[in-house]
Amino acid sequence: MNGTNLTRLMELEHQGWDALCRSVGGDFYGRLMMPEAVMILVNGMILDRETIASTLNDSPPWTSYELSQESLVPINDDAAAVVYRASAVRQGDDQPFIALMTSVYRMVEGEARLVLYQQTAITH
């Protein structure tokens, strides 16, 4: 499927994390997310595109992050999910935030658009 190969989708994931490090995540995800898209955070919050776009720029920025164990899960001819492990640090935090991430993308007019993002805590 054009546009939803692992390299391209992980490039988008890195762009998103870079935006979060610069406190412009709301702008980035406001453009990337489909109107009906949601983000499900590790704390159980479910946020729609409008909420993400209007609030994410005010979140404390990440100072560093590392993504690993990336894999692609094809869904159909115009959709795929990427799954990966993220470790990220905010200034002043003693421990890194570590979780598994899943992002589901759909091709729309030749562009990959985010439909669903979910964080899953790693407890052991």
PDB file of N, CA and C in Angstrom:
ATOM      1  N   MET A   1       0.835  -1.179   0.000  1.00  0.00           N
ATOM      2  CA  MET A   1       0.000   0.000   0.000  1.00  0.00           C
ATOM      3  C   MET A   1       0.879   1.240   0.000  1.00  0.00           C
ATOM      4  N   ASN A   2       0.660   2.132  -0.942  1.00  0.00           N
ATOM      5  CA  ASN A   2       1.449   3.352  -1.056  1.00  0.00           C
ATOM      6  C   ASN A   2       1.278   4.235   0.169  1.00  0.00           C
ATOM      7  N   GLY A   3       2.377   4.696   0.730  1.00  0.00           N
ATOM      8  CA  GLY A   3       2.329   5.651   1.822  1.00  0.00           C
ATOM      9  C   GLY A   3       2.223   5.062   3.204  1.00  0.00           C
ATOM     10  N   THR A   4       1.876   3.788   3.315  1.00  0.00           N
ATOM     11  CA  THR A   4       1.747   3.227   4.657  1.00  0.00           C
ATOM     12  C   THR A   4       2.784   2.146   4.906  1.00  0.00           C
ATOM     13  N   ASN A   5       3.979   2.329   4.370  1.00  0.00           N
ATOM     14  CA  ASN A   5       5.048   1.394   4.711  1.00  0.00           C
ATOM     15  C   ASN A   5       5.635   1.812   6.054  1.00  0.00           C
ATOM     16  N   LEU A   6       6.353   0.909   6.683  1.00  0.00           N
ATOM     17  CA  LEU A   6       6.868   1.149   8.032  1.00  0.00           C
ATOM     18  C   LEU A   6       7.756   2.384   8.084  1.00  0.00           C
ATOM     19  N   THR A   7       8.629   2.545   7.108  1.00  0.00           N
ATOM     20  CA  THR A   7       9.542   3.694   7.126  1.00  0.00           C
ATOM     21  C   THR A   7       8.774   5.008   7.108  1.00  0.00           C
ATOM     22  N   ARG A   8       7.801   5.136   6.233  1.00  0.00           N
ATOM     23  CA  ARG A   8       7.036   6.383   6.125  1.00  0.00           C
ATOM     24  C   ARG A   8       6.218   6.647   7.380  1.00  0.00           C
ATOM     25  N   LEU A   9       5.560   5.642   7.906  1.00  0.00           N
ATOM     26  CA  LEU A   9       4.730   5.863   9.091  1.00  0.00           C
ATOM     27  C   LEU A   9       5.575   6.163  10.319  1.00  0.00           C
ATOM     28  N   MET A  10       6.729   5.516  10.454  1.00  0.00           N
ATOM     29  CA  MET A  10       7.601   5.838  11.588  1.00  0.00           C
ATOM     30  C   MET A  10       8.200   7.238  11.435  1.00  0.00           C
ATOM     31  N   GLU A  11       8.382   7.683  10.211  1.00  0.00           N
ATOM     32  CA  GLU A  11       8.809   9.064   9.981  1.00  0.00           C
ATOM     33  C   GLU A  11       7.759  10.031  10.539  1.00  0.00           C
ATOM     34  N   LEU A  12       6.485   9.738  10.306  1.00  0.00           N
ATOM     35  CA  LEU A  12       5.411  10.555  10.875  1.00  0.00           C
ATOM     36  C   LEU A  12       5.406  10.488  12.397  1.00  0.00           C
ATOM     37  N   GLU A  13       5.641   9.293  12.952  1.00  0.00           N
ATOM     38  CA  GLU A  13       5.693   9.164  14.409  1.00  0.00           C
ATOM     39  C   GLU A  13       6.828  10.016  14.989  1.00  0.00           C
ATOM     40  N   HIS A  14       7.996   9.984  14.357  1.00  0.00           N
ATOM     41  CA  HIS A  14       9.116  10.816  14.822  1.00  0.00           C
ATOM     42  C   HIS A  14       8.774  12.300  14.695  1.00  0.00           C
ATOM     43  N   GLN A  15       8.118  12.689  13.614  1.00  0.00           N
ATOM     44  CA  GLN A  15       7.718  14.086  13.460  1.00  0.00           C
ATOM     45  C   GLN A  15       6.776  14.498  14.592  1.00  0.00           C
ATOM     46  N   GLY A  16       5.880  13.591  14.977  1.00  0.00           N
ATOM     47  CA  GLY A  16       4.976  13.870  16.085  1.00  0.00           C
ATOM     48  C   GLY A  16       5.716  14.039  17.401  1.00  0.00           C
ATOM     49  N   TRP A  17       6.637  13.124  17.700  1.00  0.00           N
ATOM     50  CA  TRP A  17       7.417  13.241  18.932  1.00  0.00           C
ATOM     51  C   TRP A  17       8.276  14.503  18.919  1.00  0.00           C
ATOM     52  N   ASP A  18       8.861  14.830  17.763  1.00  0.00           N
ATOM     53  CA  ASP A  18       9.641  16.066  17.658  1.00  0.00           C
ATOM     54  C   ASP A  18       8.759  17.282  17.932  1.00  0.00           C
ATOM     55  N   ALA A  19       7.529  17.264  17.424  1.00  0.00           N
ATOM     56  CA  ALA A  19       6.590  18.357  17.681  1.00  0.00           C
ATOM     57  C   ALA A  19       6.265  18.453  19.170  1.00  0.00           C
ATOM     58  N   LEU A  20       6.100  17.312  19.833  1.00  0.00           N
ATOM     59  CA  LEU A  20       5.842  17.315  21.277  1.00  0.00           C
ATOM     60  C   LEU A  20       7.032  17.881  22.051  1.00  0.00           C
ATOM     61  N   CYS A  21       8.232  17.636  21.577  1.00  0.00           N
ATOM     62  CA  CYS A  21       9.439  18.181  22.220  1.00  0.00           C
ATOM     63  C   CYS A  21       9.522  19.699  22.050  1.00  0.00           C
ATOM     64  N   ARG A  22       8.896  20.232  21.002  1.00  0.00           N
ATOM     65  CA  ARG A  22       8.927  21.674  20.726  1.00  0.00           C
ATOM     66  C   ARG A  22       7.635  22.378  21.168  1.00  0.00           C
ATOM     67  N   SER A  23       6.751  21.663  21.842  1.00  0.00           N
ATOM     68  CA  SER A  23       5.459  22.206  22.296  1.00  0.00           C
ATOM     69  C   SER A  23       4.583  22.698  21.148  1.00  0.00           C
ATOM     70  N   VAL A  24       4.639  21.998  20.014  1.00  0.00           N
ATOM     71  CA  VAL A  24       3.742  22.305  18.897  1.00  0.00           C
ATOM     72  C   VAL A  24       2.970  21.043  18.477  1.00  0.00           C
ATOM     73  N   GLY A  25       2.798  20.125  19.422  1.00  0.00           N
ATOM     74  CA  GLY A  25       2.092  18.881  19.139  1.00  0.00           C
ATOM     75  C   GLY A  25       0.644  19.087  18.739  1.00  0.00           C
ATOM     76  N   GLY A  26      -0.021  20.078  19.324  1.00  0.00           N
ATOM     77  CA  GLY A  26      -1.407  20.356  18.955  1.00  0.00           C
ATOM     78  C   GLY A  26      -1.534  20.756  17.497  1.00  0.00           C
ATOM     79  N   ASP A  27      -0.602  21.584  17.044  1.00  0.00           N
ATOM     80  CA  ASP A  27      -0.605  22.002  15.638  1.00  0.00           C
ATOM     81  C   ASP A  27      -0.369  20.801  14.728  1.00  0.00           C
ATOM     82  N   PHE A  28       0.647  20.004  15.067  1.00  0.00           N
ATOM     83  CA  PHE A  28       1.003  18.858  14.233  1.00  0.00           C
ATOM     84  C   PHE A  28      -0.137  17.848  14.162  1.00  0.00           C
ATOM     85  N   TYR A  29      -0.641  17.423  15.325  1.00  0.00           N
ATOM     86  CA  TYR A  29      -1.680  16.397  15.332  1.00  0.00           C
ATOM     87  C   TYR A  29      -3.024  16.933  14.845  1.00  0.00           C
ATOM     88  N   GLY A  30      -3.267  18.227  15.001  1.00  0.00           N
ATOM     89  CA  GLY A  30      -4.481  18.818  14.450  1.00  0.00           C
ATOM     90  C   GLY A  30      -4.550  18.662  12.941  1.00  0.00           C
ATOM     91  N   ARG A  31      -3.388  18.705  12.280  1.00  0.00           N
ATOM     92  CA  ARG A  31      -3.328  18.507  10.826  1.00  0.00           C
ATOM     93  C   ARG A  31      -3.321  17.026  10.452  1.00  0.00           C
ATOM     94  N   LEU A  32      -2.630  16.192  11.242  1.00  0.00           N
ATOM     95  CA  LEU A  32      -2.442  14.781  10.899  1.00  0.00           C
ATOM     96  C   LEU A  32      -3.682  13.926  11.161  1.00  0.00           C
ATOM     97  N   MET A  33      -4.434  14.258  12.201  1.00  0.00           N
ATOM     98  CA  MET A  33      -5.569  13.429  12.613  1.00  0.00           C
ATOM     99  C   MET A  33      -6.785  13.631  11.711  1.00  0.00           C
ATOM    100  N   MET A  34      -7.478  12.535  11.434  1.00  0.00           N
ATOM    101  CA  MET A  34      -8.769  12.603  10.753  1.00  0.00           C
ATOM    102  C   MET A  34      -9.764  13.293  11.695  1.00  0.00           C
ATOM    103  N   PRO A  35     -10.820  13.905  11.165  1.00  0.00           N
ATOM    104  CA  PRO A  35     -11.785  14.584  12.040  1.00  0.00           C
ATOM    105  C   PRO A  35     -12.363  13.676  13.131  1.00  0.00           C
ATOM    106  N   GLU A  36     -12.562  12.393  12.836  1.00  0.00           N
ATOM    107  CA  GLU A  36     -13.157  11.458  13.807  1.00  0.00           C
ATOM    108  C   GLU A  36     -12.121  10.736  14.666  1.00  0.00           C
ATOM    109  N   ALA A  37     -10.844  11.058  14.492  1.00  0.00           N
ATOM    110  CA  ALA A  37      -9.765  10.346  15.194  1.00  0.00           C
ATOM    111  C   ALA A  37      -9.784  10.616  16.698  1.00  0.00           C
ATOM    112  N   VAL A  38      -9.238   9.651  17.448  1.00  0.00           N
ATOM    113  CA  VAL A  38      -9.086   9.806  18.895  1.00  0.00           C
ATOM    114  C   VAL A  38      -7.702   9.331  19.318  1.00  0.00           C
ATOM    115  N   MET A  39      -7.278   9.853  20.469  1.00  0.00           N
ATOM    116  CA  MET A  39      -6.075   9.377  21.144  1.00  0.00           C
ATOM    117  C   MET A  39      -6.504   8.816  22.488  1.00  0.00           C
ATOM    118  N   ILE A  40      -6.029   7.602  22.797  1.00  0.00           N
ATOM    119  CA  ILE A  40      -6.319   6.957  24.076  1.00  0.00           C
ATOM    120  C   ILE A  40      -5.008   6.925  24.846  1.00  0.00           C
ATOM    121  N   LEU A  41      -4.956   7.681  25.935  1.00  0.00           N
ATOM    122  CA  LEU A  41      -3.717   7.821  26.686  1.00  0.00           C
ATOM    123  C   LEU A  41      -3.606   6.765  27.772  1.00  0.00           C
ATOM    124  N   VAL A  42      -2.397   6.579  28.253  1.00  0.00           N
ATOM    125  CA  VAL A  42      -2.110   5.538  29.240  1.00  0.00           C
ATOM    126  C   VAL A  42      -2.905   5.750  30.535  1.00  0.00           C
ATOM    127  N   ASN A  43      -3.292   6.995  30.823  1.00  0.00           N
ATOM    128  CA  ASN A  43      -4.059   7.271  32.039  1.00  0.00           C
ATOM    129  C   ASN A  43      -5.558   7.041  31.854  1.00  0.00           C
ATOM    130  N   GLY A  44      -5.962   6.563  30.670  1.00  0.00           N
ATOM    131  CA  GLY A  44      -7.362   6.258  30.409  1.00  0.00           C
ATOM    132  C   GLY A  44      -8.140   7.368  29.724  1.00  0.00           C
ATOM    133  N   MET A  45      -7.536   8.529  29.548  1.00  0.00           N
ATOM    134  CA  MET A  45      -8.225   9.623  28.865  1.00  0.00           C
ATOM    135  C   MET A  45      -8.392   9.299  27.382  1.00  0.00           C
ATOM    136  N   ILE A  46      -9.548   9.655  26.839  1.00  0.00           N
ATOM    137  CA  ILE A  46      -9.814   9.533  25.412  1.00  0.00           C
ATOM    138  C   ILE A  46     -10.045  10.945  24.894  1.00  0.00           C
ATOM    139  N   LEU A  47      -9.165  11.373  23.986  1.00  0.00           N
ATOM    140  CA  LEU A  47      -9.202  12.747  23.497  1.00  0.00           C
ATOM    141  C   LEU A  47      -9.490  12.766  22.002  1.00  0.00           C
ATOM    142  N   ASP A  48     -10.418  13.637  21.599  1.00  0.00           N
ATOM    143  CA  ASP A  48     -10.719  13.762  20.177  1.00  0.00           C
ATOM    144  C   ASP A  48      -9.777  14.774  19.525  1.00  0.00           C
ATOM    145  N   ARG A  49      -9.870  14.871  18.216  1.00  0.00           N
ATOM    146  CA  ARG A  49      -8.969  15.750  17.458  1.00  0.00           C
ATOM    147  C   ARG A  49      -9.067  17.203  17.928  1.00  0.00           C
ATOM    148  N   GLU A  50     -10.270  17.684  18.133  1.00  0.00           N
ATOM    149  CA  GLU A  50     -10.451  19.075  18.551  1.00  0.00           C
ATOM    150  C   GLU A  50      -9.756  19.343  19.882  1.00  0.00           C
ATOM    151  N   THR A  51      -9.899  18.433  20.831  1.00  0.00           N
ATOM    152  CA  THR A  51      -9.257  18.594  22.138  1.00  0.00           C
ATOM    153  C   THR A  51      -7.742  18.549  22.005  1.00  0.00           C
ATOM    154  N   ILE A  52      -7.232  17.605  21.228  1.00  0.00           N
ATOM    155  CA  ILE A  52      -5.784  17.508  21.007  1.00  0.00           C
ATOM    156  C   ILE A  52      -5.257  18.804  20.405  1.00  0.00           C
ATOM    157  N   ALA A  53      -5.906  19.280  19.349  1.00  0.00           N
ATOM    158  CA  ALA A  53      -5.441  20.475  18.645  1.00  0.00           C
ATOM    159  C   ALA A  53      -5.460  21.709  19.544  1.00  0.00           C
ATOM    160  N   SER A  54      -6.430  21.784  20.458  1.00  0.00           N
ATOM    161  CA  SER A  54      -6.563  22.987  21.280  1.00  0.00           C
ATOM    162  C   SER A  54      -5.781  22.936  22.588  1.00  0.00           C
ATOM    163  N   THR A  55      -5.304  21.758  23.008  1.00  0.00           N
ATOM    164  CA  THR A  55      -4.648  21.670  24.320  1.00  0.00           C
ATOM    165  C   THR A  55      -3.217  21.152  24.310  1.00  0.00           C
ATOM    166  N   LEU A  56      -2.829  20.398  23.303  1.00  0.00           N
ATOM    167  CA  LEU A  56      -1.544  19.698  23.364  1.00  0.00           C
ATOM    168  C   LEU A  56      -0.345  20.640  23.364  1.00  0.00           C
ATOM    169  N   ASN A  57      -0.461  21.811  22.747  1.00  0.00           N
ATOM    170  CA  ASN A  57       0.662  22.753  22.760  1.00  0.00           C
ATOM    171  C   ASN A  57       0.993  23.227  24.173  1.00  0.00           C
ATOM    172  N   ASP A  58       0.026  23.145  25.090  1.00  0.00           N
ATOM    173  CA  ASP A  58       0.241  23.594  26.465  1.00  0.00           C
ATOM    174  C   ASP A  58       0.809  22.512  27.374  1.00  0.00           C
ATOM    175  N   SER A  59       0.971  21.297  26.871  1.00  0.00           N
ATOM    176  CA  SER A  59       1.539  20.206  27.675  1.00  0.00           C
ATOM    177  C   SER A  59       3.032  20.425  27.866  1.00  0.00           C
ATOM    178  N   PRO A  60       3.581  19.997  29.005  1.00  0.00           N
ATOM    179  CA  PRO A  60       5.033  20.114  29.194  1.00  0.00           C
ATOM    180  C   PRO A  60       5.767  19.353  28.095  1.00  0.00           C
ATOM    181  N   PRO A  61       6.794  19.953  27.503  1.00  0.00           N
ATOM    182  CA  PRO A  61       7.494  19.283  26.403  1.00  0.00           C
ATOM    183  C   PRO A  61       8.335  18.110  26.885  1.00  0.00           C
ATOM    184  N   TRP A  62       8.509  17.140  26.013  1.00  0.00           N
ATOM    185  CA  TRP A  62       9.467  16.070  26.252  1.00  0.00           C
ATOM    186  C   TRP A  62      10.852  16.627  25.947  1.00  0.00           C
ATOM    187  N   THR A  63      11.848  16.237  26.736  1.00  0.00           N
ATOM    188  CA  THR A  63      13.213  16.692  26.466  1.00  0.00           C
ATOM    189  C   THR A  63      13.967  15.701  25.598  1.00  0.00           C
ATOM    190  N   SER A  64      13.566  14.437  25.641  1.00  0.00           N
ATOM    191  CA  SER A  64      14.183  13.421  24.786  1.00  0.00           C
ATOM    192  C   SER A  64      13.229  12.237  24.664  1.00  0.00           C
ATOM    193  N   TYR A  65      13.443  11.461  23.608  1.00  0.00           N
ATOM    194  CA  TYR A  65      12.632  10.260  23.413  1.00  0.00           C
ATOM    195  C   TYR A  65      13.422   9.261  22.588  1.00  0.00           C
ATOM    196  N   GLU A  66      13.019   7.998  22.706  1.00  0.00           N
ATOM    197  CA  GLU A  66      13.595   6.931  21.896  1.00  0.00           C
ATOM    198  C   GLU A  66      12.479   5.975  21.507  1.00  0.00           C
ATOM    199  N   LEU A  67      12.412   5.644  20.225  1.00  0.00           N
ATOM    200  CA  LEU A  67      11.420   4.698  19.717  1.00  0.00           C
ATOM    201  C   LEU A  67      12.144   3.440  19.270  1.00  0.00           C
ATOM    202  N   SER A  68      11.578   2.278  19.612  1.00  0.00           N
ATOM    203  CA  SER A  68      12.225   1.009  19.255  1.00  0.00           C
ATOM    204  C   SER A  68      11.160  -0.058  19.013  1.00  0.00           C
ATOM    205  N   GLN A  69      11.608  -1.210  18.562  1.00  0.00           N
ATOM    206  CA  GLN A  69      10.751  -2.377  18.342  1.00  0.00           C
ATOM    207  C   GLN A  69       9.574  -2.066  17.409  1.00  0.00           C
ATOM    208  N   GLU A  70       9.839  -1.284  16.367  1.00  0.00           N
ATOM    209  CA  GLU A  70       8.792  -0.883  15.433  1.00  0.00           C
ATOM    210  C   GLU A  70       8.324  -2.053  14.576  1.00  0.00           C
ATOM    211  N   SER A  71       7.018  -2.120  14.352  1.00  0.00           N
ATOM    212  CA  SER A  71       6.483  -3.115  13.423  1.00  0.00           C
ATOM    213  C   SER A  71       5.251  -2.548  12.725  1.00  0.00           C
ATOM    214  N   LEU A  72       4.980  -3.078  11.547  1.00  0.00           N
ATOM    215  CA  LEU A  72       3.842  -2.656  10.738  1.00  0.00           C
ATOM    216  C   LEU A  72       2.793  -3.757  10.735  1.00  0.00           C
ATOM    217  N   VAL A  73       1.538  -3.379  10.925  1.00  0.00           N
ATOM    218  CA  VAL A  73       0.419  -4.312  10.862  1.00  0.00           C
ATOM    219  C   VAL A  73      -0.518  -3.831   9.746  1.00  0.00           C
ATOM    220  N   PRO A  74      -0.427  -4.432   8.554  1.00  0.00           N
ATOM    221  CA  PRO A  74      -1.330  -4.034   7.471  1.00  0.00           C
ATOM    222  C   PRO A  74      -2.780  -4.348   7.850  1.00  0.00           C
ATOM    223  N   ILE A  75      -3.687  -3.450   7.503  1.00  0.00           N
ATOM    224  CA  ILE A  75      -5.107  -3.652   7.792  1.00  0.00           C
ATOM    225  C   ILE A  75      -5.866  -3.956   6.504  1.00  0.00           C
ATOM    226  N   ASN A  76      -5.702  -3.108   5.510  1.00  0.00           N
ATOM    227  CA  ASN A  76      -6.274  -3.343   4.183  1.00  0.00           C
ATOM    228  C   ASN A  76      -5.482  -2.512   3.178  1.00  0.00           C
ATOM    229  N   ASP A  77      -6.031  -2.307   1.989  1.00  0.00           N
ATOM    230  CA  ASP A  77      -5.280  -1.617   0.940  1.00  0.00           C
ATOM    231  C   ASP A  77      -4.980  -0.159   1.254  1.00  0.00           C
ATOM    232  N   ASP A  78      -5.746   0.460   2.152  1.00  0.00           N
ATOM    233  CA  ASP A  78      -5.500   1.869   2.436  1.00  0.00           C
ATOM    234  C   ASP A  78      -5.341   2.175   3.921  1.00  0.00           C
ATOM    235  N   ALA A  79      -4.995   1.170   4.720  1.00  0.00           N
ATOM    236  CA  ALA A  79      -4.817   1.404   6.152  1.00  0.00           C
ATOM    237  C   ALA A  79      -3.799   0.440   6.741  1.00  0.00           C
ATOM    238  N   ALA A  80      -3.109   0.909   7.765  1.00  0.00           N
ATOM    239  CA  ALA A  80      -2.127   0.083   8.473  1.00  0.00           C
ATOM    240  C   ALA A  80      -1.909   0.672   9.859  1.00  0.00           C
ATOM    241  N   ALA A  81      -1.405  -0.166  10.748  1.00  0.00           N
ATOM    242  CA  ALA A  81      -1.043   0.271  12.094  1.00  0.00           C
ATOM    243  C   ALA A  81       0.456   0.115  12.278  1.00  0.00           C
ATOM    244  N   VAL A  82       1.037   1.006  13.059  1.00  0.00           N
ATOM    245  CA  VAL A  82       2.411   0.828  13.507  1.00  0.00           C
ATOM    246  C   VAL A  82       2.366   0.638  15.016  1.00  0.00           C
ATOM    247  N   VAL A  83       3.199  -0.267  15.482  1.00  0.00           N
ATOM    248  CA  VAL A  83       3.304  -0.570  16.907  1.00  0.00           C
ATOM    249  C   VAL A  83       4.762  -0.416  17.277  1.00  0.00           C
ATOM    250  N   TYR A  84       5.031   0.261  18.403  1.00  0.00           N
ATOM    251  CA  TYR A  84       6.415   0.452  18.827  1.00  0.00           C
ATOM    252  C   TYR A  84       6.485   0.731  20.321  1.00  0.00           C
ATOM    253  N   ARG A  85       7.687   0.664  20.828  1.00  0.00           N
ATOM    254  CA  ARG A  85       7.969   0.972  22.235  1.00  0.00           C
ATOM    255  C   ARG A  85       8.562   2.369  22.283  1.00  0.00           C
ATOM    256  N   ALA A  86       8.073   3.181  23.204  1.00  0.00           N
ATOM    257  CA  ALA A  86       8.590   4.538  23.372  1.00  0.00           C
ATOM    258  C   ALA A  86       9.100   4.721  24.794  1.00  0.00           C
ATOM    259  N   SER A  87      10.206   5.416  24.889  1.00  0.00           N
ATOM    260  CA  SER A  87      10.750   5.838  26.178  1.00  0.00           C
ATOM    261  C   SER A  87      11.024   7.326  26.048  1.00  0.00           C
ATOM    262  N   ALA A  88      10.429   8.130  26.927  1.00  0.00           N
ATOM    263  CA  ALA A  88      10.556   9.580  26.820  1.00  0.00           C
ATOM    264  C   ALA A  88      10.756  10.193  28.199  1.00  0.00           C
ATOM    265  N   VAL A  89      11.436  11.333  28.211  1.00  0.00           N
ATOM    266  CA  VAL A  89      11.763  12.009  29.469  1.00  0.00           C
ATOM    267  C   VAL A  89      11.316  13.464  29.383  1.00  0.00           C
ATOM    268  N   ARG A  90      10.729  13.943  30.472  1.00  0.00           N
ATOM    269  CA  ARG A  90      10.425  15.368  30.630  1.00  0.00           C
ATOM    270  C   ARG A  90      11.371  15.940  31.674  1.00  0.00           C
ATOM    271  N   GLN A  91      11.738  17.201  31.502  1.00  0.00           N
ATOM    272  CA  GLN A  91      12.628  17.849  32.460  1.00  0.00           C
ATOM    273  C   GLN A  91      12.022  17.777  33.857  1.00  0.00           C
ATOM    274  N   GLY A  92      12.838  17.373  34.821  1.00  0.00           N
ATOM    275  CA  GLY A  92      12.398  17.279  36.200  1.00  0.00           C
ATOM    276  C   GLY A  92      11.819  15.934  36.590  1.00  0.00           C
ATOM    277  N   ASP A  93      11.531  15.073  35.624  1.00  0.00           N
ATOM    278  CA  ASP A  93      11.006  13.742  35.945  1.00  0.00           C
ATOM    279  C   ASP A  93      12.149  12.818  36.343  1.00  0.00           C
ATOM    280  N   ASP A  94      11.937  12.040  37.393  1.00  0.00           N
ATOM    281  CA  ASP A  94      12.951  11.091  37.846  1.00  0.00           C
ATOM    282  C   ASP A  94      13.033   9.861  36.951  1.00  0.00           C
ATOM    283  N   GLN A  95      11.900   9.420  36.456  1.00  0.00           N
ATOM    284  CA  GLN A  95      11.833   8.201  35.658  1.00  0.00           C
ATOM    285  C   GLN A  95      11.299   8.515  34.260  1.00  0.00           C
ATOM    286  N   PRO A  96      11.770   7.791  33.253  1.00  0.00           N
ATOM    287  CA  PRO A  96      11.210   7.992  31.917  1.00  0.00           C
ATOM    288  C   PRO A  96       9.800   7.417  31.823  1.00  0.00           C
ATOM    289  N   PHE A  97       9.029   7.965  30.922  1.00  0.00           N
ATOM    290  CA  PHE A  97       7.727   7.421  30.551  1.00  0.00           C
ATOM    291  C   PHE A  97       7.997   6.335  29.521  1.00  0.00           C
ATOM    292  N   ILE A  98       7.573   5.112  29.806  1.00  0.00           N
ATOM    293  CA  ILE A  98       7.805   3.988  28.901  1.00  0.00           C
ATOM    294  C   ILE A  98       6.460   3.325  28.624  1.00  0.00           C
ATOM    295  N   ALA A  99       6.140   3.169  27.347  1.00  0.00           N
ATOM    296  CA  ALA A  99       4.857   2.561  26.979  1.00  0.00           C
ATOM    297  C   ALA A  99       4.946   1.981  25.575  1.00  0.00           C
ATOM    298  N   LEU A 100       3.988   1.130  25.271  1.00  0.00           N
ATOM    299  CA  LEU A 100       3.817   0.640  23.907  1.00  0.00           C
ATOM    300  C   LEU A 100       2.815   1.555  23.214  1.00  0.00           C
ATOM    301  N   MET A 101       3.103   1.889  21.968  1.00  0.00           N
ATOM    302  CA  MET A 101       2.255   2.800  21.207  1.00  0.00           C
ATOM    303  C   MET A 101       1.694   2.078  19.989  1.00  0.00           C
ATOM    304  N   THR A 102       0.461   2.376  19.670  1.00  0.00           N
ATOM    305  CA  THR A 102      -0.159   1.891  18.444  1.00  0.00           C
ATOM    306  C   THR A 102      -0.787   3.086  17.746  1.00  0.00           C
ATOM    307  N   SER A 103      -0.432   3.273  16.486  1.00  0.00           N
ATOM    308  CA  SER A 103      -1.023   4.331  15.666  1.00  0.00           C
ATOM    309  C   SER A 103      -1.604   3.690  14.411  1.00  0.00           C
ATOM    310  N   VAL A 104      -2.873   3.977  14.153  1.00  0.00           N
ATOM    311  CA  VAL A 104      -3.552   3.459  12.967  1.00  0.00           C
ATOM    312  C   VAL A 104      -3.692   4.607  11.969  1.00  0.00           C
ATOM    313  N   TYR A 105      -3.214   4.356  10.751  1.00  0.00           N
ATOM    314  CA  TYR A 105      -3.250   5.352   9.681  1.00  0.00           C
ATOM    315  C   TYR A 105      -4.113   4.865   8.529  1.00  0.00           C
ATOM    316  N   ARG A 106      -4.731   5.838   7.847  1.00  0.00           N
ATOM    317  CA  ARG A 106      -5.508   5.560   6.648  1.00  0.00           C
ATOM    318  C   ARG A 106      -5.070   6.531   5.560  1.00  0.00           C
ATOM    319  N   MET A 107      -4.926   6.040   4.355  1.00  0.00           N
ATOM    320  CA  MET A 107      -4.567   6.901   3.232  1.00  0.00           C
ATOM    321  C   MET A 107      -5.798   7.682   2.774  1.00  0.00           C
ATOM    322  N   VAL A 108      -5.641   9.001   2.679  1.00  0.00           N
ATOM    323  CA  VAL A 108      -6.706   9.878   2.208  1.00  0.00           C
ATOM    324  C   VAL A 108      -6.083  10.834   1.195  1.00  0.00           C
ATOM    325  N   GLU A 109      -6.528  10.743  -0.040  1.00  0.00           N
ATOM    326  CA  GLU A 109      -6.017  11.602  -1.115  1.00  0.00           C
ATOM    327  C   GLU A 109      -4.490  11.571  -1.174  1.00  0.00           C
ATOM    328  N   GLY A 110      -3.934  10.366  -1.025  1.00  0.00           N
ATOM    329  CA  GLY A 110      -2.493  10.179  -1.145  1.00  0.00           C
ATOM    330  C   GLY A 110      -1.679  10.506   0.089  1.00  0.00           C
ATOM    331  N   GLU A 111      -2.324  10.888   1.184  1.00  0.00           N
ATOM    332  CA  GLU A 111      -1.626  11.235   2.422  1.00  0.00           C
ATOM    333  C   GLU A 111      -2.043  10.294   3.548  1.00  0.00           C
ATOM    334  N   ALA A 112      -1.065   9.885   4.359  1.00  0.00           N
ATOM    335  CA  ALA A 112      -1.371   9.077   5.544  1.00  0.00           C
ATOM    336  C   ALA A 112      -1.963   9.990   6.611  1.00  0.00           C
ATOM    337  N   ARG A 113      -3.117   9.606   7.135  1.00  0.00           N
ATOM    338  CA  ARG A 113      -3.796  10.384   8.173  1.00  0.00           C
ATOM    339  C   ARG A 113      -4.030   9.490   9.385  1.00  0.00           C
ATOM    340  N   LEU A 114      -3.845  10.051  10.576  1.00  0.00           N
ATOM    341  CA  LEU A 114      -3.989   9.309  11.822  1.00  0.00           C
ATOM    342  C   LEU A 114      -5.465   9.142  12.171  1.00  0.00           C
ATOM    343  N   VAL A 115      -5.852   7.898  12.439  1.00  0.00           N
ATOM    344  CA  VAL A 115      -7.231   7.569  12.792  1.00  0.00           C
ATOM    345  C   VAL A 115      -7.345   7.244  14.280  1.00  0.00           C
ATOM    346  N   LEU A 116      -6.350   6.542  14.825  1.00  0.00           N
ATOM    347  CA  LEU A 116      -6.385   6.107  16.218  1.00  0.00           C
ATOM    348  C   LEU A 116      -4.966   6.014  16.747  1.00  0.00           C
ATOM    349  N   TYR A 117      -4.770   6.511  17.965  1.00  0.00           N
ATOM    350  CA  TYR A 117      -3.483   6.399  18.651  1.00  0.00           C
ATOM    351  C   TYR A 117      -3.783   5.897  20.050  1.00  0.00           C
ATOM    352  N   GLN A 118      -3.042   4.876  20.494  1.00  0.00           N
ATOM    353  CA  GLN A 118      -3.264   4.341  21.834  1.00  0.00           C
ATOM    354  C   GLN A 118      -1.946   4.050  22.517  1.00  0.00           C
ATOM    355  N   GLN A 119      -1.871   4.441  23.796  1.00  0.00           N
ATOM    356  CA  GLN A 119      -0.718   4.131  24.643  1.00  0.00           C
ATOM    357  C   GLN A 119      -1.096   2.981  25.575  1.00  0.00           C
ATOM    358  N   THR A 120      -0.177   2.045  25.759  1.00  0.00           N
ATOM    359  CA  THR A 120      -0.379   0.931  26.684  1.00  0.00           C
ATOM    360  C   THR A 120       0.792   0.896  27.650  1.00  0.00           C
ATOM    361  N   ALA A 121       0.492   0.945  28.939  1.00  0.00           N
ATOM    362  CA  ALA A 121       1.549   0.954  29.953  1.00  0.00           C
ATOM    363  C   ALA A 121       2.307  -0.367  29.963  1.00  0.00           C
ATOM    364  N   ILE A 122       3.598  -0.258  30.208  1.00  0.00           N
ATOM    365  CA  ILE A 122       4.437  -1.441  30.422  1.00  0.00           C
ATOM    366  C   ILE A 122       4.623  -1.554  31.927  1.00  0.00           C
ATOM    367  N   THR A 123       4.090  -2.610  32.510  1.00  0.00           N
ATOM    368  CA  THR A 123       4.108  -2.728  33.968  1.00  0.00           C
ATOM    369  C   THR A 123       5.226  -3.605  34.501  1.00  0.00           C
ATOM    370  N   HIS A 124       5.901  -4.341  33.638  1.00  0.00           N
ATOM    371  CA  HIS A 124       7.005  -5.179  34.094  1.00  0.00           C
ATOM    372  C   HIS A 124       7.968  -5.452  32.977  1.00  0.00           C
TER     373      HIS A 124
END
